[in-house]
Amino acid sequence: MTLSTPWRGLAATATALLFVLFAPLAHAQADTSATGTYMVEGGSYMIELRQDGDTLTVVEPNKESPYARQGDGSYTFYNPNTETTYGIRVLDANTIEAFKPDHPESPATRLVRMGGSVANNDGEPVASSDADRYGAMAEHYQQLAQTDPDNVQAWTACSAVALKRSVSNPAEADAFATQMAGMLQQMEVATSPCPDAMPGW
């Protein structure tokens, strides 16, 4: 991979660019559904949310967690592996908050919507083999984002696109990839860092 500009210290700038790039799309999609792609505010981790009535499914690389709506409007999920209950609050059309209901002393984590939604009835469902392949790809790039700080935003973009491809129809995934490519090009990245997820330019 050849990057045309140093990446160290660009995390805050990239986060700001992501917000500027995707805020109009997020606003246009604003409704009662939390479905969409979210990134940890000021960080690099991304998830997909899929709203289906009173269930909010969190889609991560190779893992799906169904959260159930509670009386206060939040959603919770109990993970027997960690013996921990996790919660999500929808703060507004563009923002959610992840928290631990049983540990109010733990600070909540805010995530902002980046635009785009998971596959709907207008698109072809993702084949299981493709979902698994792109899910593993998303996990690979997420690990690179955590271990290669000089290129964290490039790997984060790759992980987000791969995750999108694992849950969305091709048209939605391609549109999201184009948006992410535009963000990277604004940072003077000369070519795609992950042509397997995001075609070159």
Protein backbone atom coordinates (compact mmCIF):
# COMPACT_ATOMS: atom_id res chain seq x y z
CA MET A 1 0.00 0.00 0.00
CA THR A 2 1.32 3.44 -0.93
CA LEU A 3 -0.05 6.47 0.86
CA SER A 4 0.85 9.86 -0.50
CA THR A 5 0.71 11.68 2.82
CA PRO A 6 1.74 10.82 6.40
CA TRP A 7 -1.12 9.50 8.52
CA ARG A 8 0.23 10.13 12.01
CA GLY A 9 -1.88 12.63 13.93
CA LEU A 10 -4.74 12.67 11.40
CA ALA A 11 -7.31 10.80 13.49
CA ALA A 12 -9.14 13.94 14.64
CA THR A 13 -9.06 15.45 11.16
CA ALA A 14 -10.36 12.27 9.57
CA THR A 15 -13.18 11.99 12.10
CA ALA A 16 -14.18 15.57 11.33
CA LEU A 17 -14.10 14.87 7.60
CA LEU A 18 -16.24 11.78 8.07
CA PHE A 19 -18.82 13.84 9.93
CA VAL A 20 -18.84 16.60 7.31
CA LEU A 21 -19.06 14.07 4.48
CA PHE A 22 -21.86 11.96 5.90
CA ALA A 23 -23.93 14.40 7.99
CA PRO A 24 -26.16 15.49 5.07
CA LEU A 25 -26.95 11.89 4.17
CA ALA A 26 -27.64 11.02 7.78
CA HIS A 27 -30.00 13.98 8.10
CA ALA A 28 -31.86 12.95 4.96
CA GLN A 29 -32.38 9.47 6.40
CA ALA A 30 -33.42 10.63 9.85
CA ASP A 31 -36.51 8.77 11.03
CA THR A 32 -37.54 6.57 13.94
CA SER A 33 -35.24 3.77 12.77
CA ALA A 34 -31.70 3.48 14.12
CA THR A 35 -30.66 1.35 11.12
CA GLY A 36 -27.34 2.49 9.71
CA THR A 37 -23.57 2.56 10.06
CA TYR A 38 -22.07 4.11 13.22
CA MET A 39 -18.54 5.00 14.28
CA VAL A 40 -17.28 5.55 17.82
CA GLU A 41 -17.00 9.29 18.33
CA GLY A 42 -13.32 10.24 18.15
CA GLY A 43 -12.33 6.64 17.53
CA SER A 44 -12.07 4.10 14.75
CA TYR A 45 -14.47 1.26 15.60
CA MET A 46 -17.59 0.86 13.45
CA ILE A 47 -20.77 -1.18 13.70
CA GLU A 48 -23.98 -1.65 11.75
CA LEU A 49 -27.38 -1.39 13.43
CA ARG A 50 -30.44 -3.13 12.01
CA GLN A 51 -33.81 -2.05 13.42
CA ASP A 52 -36.69 -4.53 13.27
CA GLY A 53 -39.58 -3.42 15.45
CA ASP A 54 -38.59 -3.75 19.10
CA THR A 55 -35.31 -5.49 18.25
CA LEU A 56 -32.11 -3.62 17.46
CA THR A 57 -29.44 -5.95 16.08
CA VAL A 58 -25.80 -4.89 16.39
CA VAL A 59 -23.78 -6.29 13.49
CA GLU A 60 -20.02 -6.57 14.03
CA PRO A 61 -17.48 -8.59 12.07
CA ASN A 62 -18.63 -12.23 12.35
CA LYS A 63 -21.08 -11.47 15.15
CA GLU A 64 -24.68 -10.33 15.54
CA SER A 65 -26.24 -9.34 18.87
CA PRO A 66 -30.02 -8.77 19.21
CA TYR A 67 -30.90 -6.00 21.67
CA ALA A 68 -34.48 -5.89 23.04
CA ARG A 69 -36.38 -2.65 23.64
CA GLN A 70 -36.89 -1.76 27.30
CA GLY A 71 -39.57 0.32 28.99
CA ASP A 72 -37.39 3.44 29.05
CA GLY A 73 -36.81 3.24 25.29
CA SER A 74 -33.28 1.83 25.52
CA TYR A 75 -32.22 -1.59 24.18
CA THR A 76 -30.34 -4.29 26.08
CA PHE A 77 -28.53 -7.54 25.30
CA TYR A 78 -27.16 -10.10 27.76
CA ASN A 79 -23.95 -11.82 26.68
CA PRO A 80 -23.61 -15.15 28.53
CA ASN A 81 -19.95 -15.45 27.49
CA THR A 82 -18.99 -12.33 29.45
CA GLU A 83 -21.96 -12.51 31.86
CA THR A 84 -22.59 -8.85 31.08
CA THR A 85 -25.66 -6.88 30.01
CA TYR A 86 -25.01 -4.25 27.36
CA GLY A 87 -27.29 -1.37 26.46
CA ILE A 88 -27.88 1.09 23.63
CA ARG A 89 -29.69 4.41 23.79
CA VAL A 90 -30.83 6.22 20.66
CA LEU A 91 -30.04 9.86 21.47
CA ASP A 92 -31.22 11.38 18.18
CA ALA A 93 -31.45 10.58 14.46
CA ASN A 94 -27.65 10.59 14.13
CA THR A 95 -26.34 9.47 17.53
CA ILE A 96 -26.46 6.41 19.77
CA GLU A 97 -24.84 5.64 23.09
CA ALA A 98 -23.51 2.27 24.26
CA PHE A 99 -23.54 1.62 28.01
CA LYS A 100 -23.64 -1.07 30.69
CA PRO A 101 -26.96 -0.90 32.61
CA ASP A 102 -25.57 -2.85 35.57
CA HIS A 103 -22.51 -0.59 35.82
CA PRO A 104 -23.71 3.03 35.87
CA GLU A 105 -20.24 4.10 37.01
CA SER A 106 -18.80 3.05 33.64
CA PRO A 107 -18.79 5.91 31.10
CA ALA A 108 -21.03 5.47 28.06
CA THR A 109 -19.56 5.38 24.55
CA ARG A 110 -21.10 7.66 21.94
CA LEU A 111 -21.31 6.63 18.26
CA VAL A 112 -22.32 8.81 15.33
CA ARG A 113 -24.20 7.72 12.23
CA MET A 114 -22.14 7.77 9.06
CA GLY A 115 -24.93 7.26 6.54
CA GLY A 116 -26.11 4.28 4.56
CA SER A 117 -28.34 1.51 5.83
CA VAL A 118 -28.37 -2.24 5.79
CA ALA A 119 -30.01 -4.16 2.95
CA ASN A 120 -33.72 -3.60 2.52
CA ASN A 121 -36.45 -5.27 0.53
CA ASP A 122 -35.42 -3.34 -2.57
CA GLY A 123 -32.07 -5.11 -2.82
CA GLU A 124 -30.83 -8.65 -3.11
CA PRO A 125 -29.91 -10.26 0.23
CA VAL A 126 -26.25 -10.92 0.91
CA ALA A 127 -25.24 -14.52 0.22
CA SER A 128 -24.08 -16.35 3.33
CA SER A 129 -20.66 -17.10 1.85
CA ASP A 130 -20.17 -13.43 0.90
CA ALA A 131 -21.33 -12.27 4.32
CA ASP A 132 -18.80 -14.55 6.02
CA ARG A 133 -15.99 -13.51 3.67
CA TYR A 134 -16.60 -9.79 4.06
CA GLY A 135 -17.14 -10.18 7.80
CA ALA A 136 -13.71 -11.79 8.16
CA MET A 137 -12.26 -9.06 5.93
CA ALA A 138 -13.80 -6.35 8.13
CA GLU A 139 -12.30 -7.97 11.22
CA HIS A 140 -8.88 -8.13 9.54
CA TYR A 141 -8.89 -4.44 8.67
CA GLN A 142 -10.21 -3.51 12.11
CA GLN A 143 -7.23 -5.32 13.66
CA LEU A 144 -4.89 -3.39 11.36
CA ALA A 145 -6.54 -0.14 12.48
CA GLN A 146 -5.70 -1.05 16.07
CA THR A 147 -2.10 -2.07 15.40
CA ASP A 148 -1.02 0.41 12.70
CA PRO A 149 -1.67 3.91 14.09
CA ASP A 150 0.02 5.62 11.15
CA ASN A 151 -2.73 4.34 8.83
CA VAL A 152 -5.63 4.04 11.27
CA GLN A 153 -8.13 5.99 9.16
CA ALA A 154 -7.33 4.07 5.98
CA TRP A 155 -7.82 0.71 7.72
CA THR A 156 -10.95 1.99 9.46
CA ALA A 157 -12.42 2.96 6.09
CA CYS A 158 -11.55 -0.49 4.72
CA SER A 159 -13.15 -2.21 7.70
CA ALA A 160 -16.30 -0.11 7.38
CA VAL A 161 -16.69 -0.90 3.67
CA ALA A 162 -16.11 -4.63 4.22
CA LEU A 163 -18.63 -4.66 7.07
CA LYS A 164 -21.11 -2.84 4.85
CA ARG A 165 -20.63 -5.44 2.13
CA SER A 166 -21.29 -8.23 4.65
CA VAL A 167 -24.78 -6.94 5.49
CA SER A 168 -25.99 -4.76 2.59
CA ASN A 169 -27.01 -5.32 -0.99
CA PRO A 170 -24.34 -4.53 -3.63
CA ALA A 171 -25.82 -1.19 -4.68
CA GLU A 172 -25.86 0.16 -1.11
CA ALA A 173 -22.40 -1.23 -0.41
CA ASP A 174 -20.97 0.27 -3.60
CA ALA A 175 -22.47 3.67 -2.79
CA PHE A 176 -20.96 3.53 0.70
CA ALA A 177 -17.58 2.49 -0.74
CA THR A 178 -17.68 5.47 -3.10
CA GLN A 179 -18.31 7.80 -0.17
CA MET A 180 -15.45 6.33 1.82
CA ALA A 181 -13.15 6.53 -1.22
CA GLY A 182 -14.02 10.21 -1.56
CA MET A 183 -13.07 10.77 2.08
CA LEU A 184 -9.71 9.07 1.58
CA GLN A 185 -9.04 11.00 -1.63
CA GLN A 186 -9.60 14.24 0.27
CA MET A 187 -6.72 13.07 2.46
CA GLU A 188 -4.60 12.68 -0.68
CA VAL A 189 -4.49 8.89 -0.57
CA ALA A 190 -3.29 7.99 -4.07
CA THR A 191 -4.92 4.58 -4.42
CA SER A 192 -7.23 2.22 -2.56
CA PRO A 193 -5.55 0.63 0.49
CA CYS A 194 -7.92 -2.36 0.18
CA PRO A 195 -9.01 -3.18 -3.38
CA ASP A 196 -10.63 -6.39 -2.11
CA ALA A 197 -13.20 -4.29 -0.23
CA MET A 198 -12.95 -0.91 -1.95
CA PRO A 199 -12.12 -0.84 -5.69
CA GLY A 200 -9.10 1.21 -6.71
CA TRP A 201 -9.31 4.67 -8.16
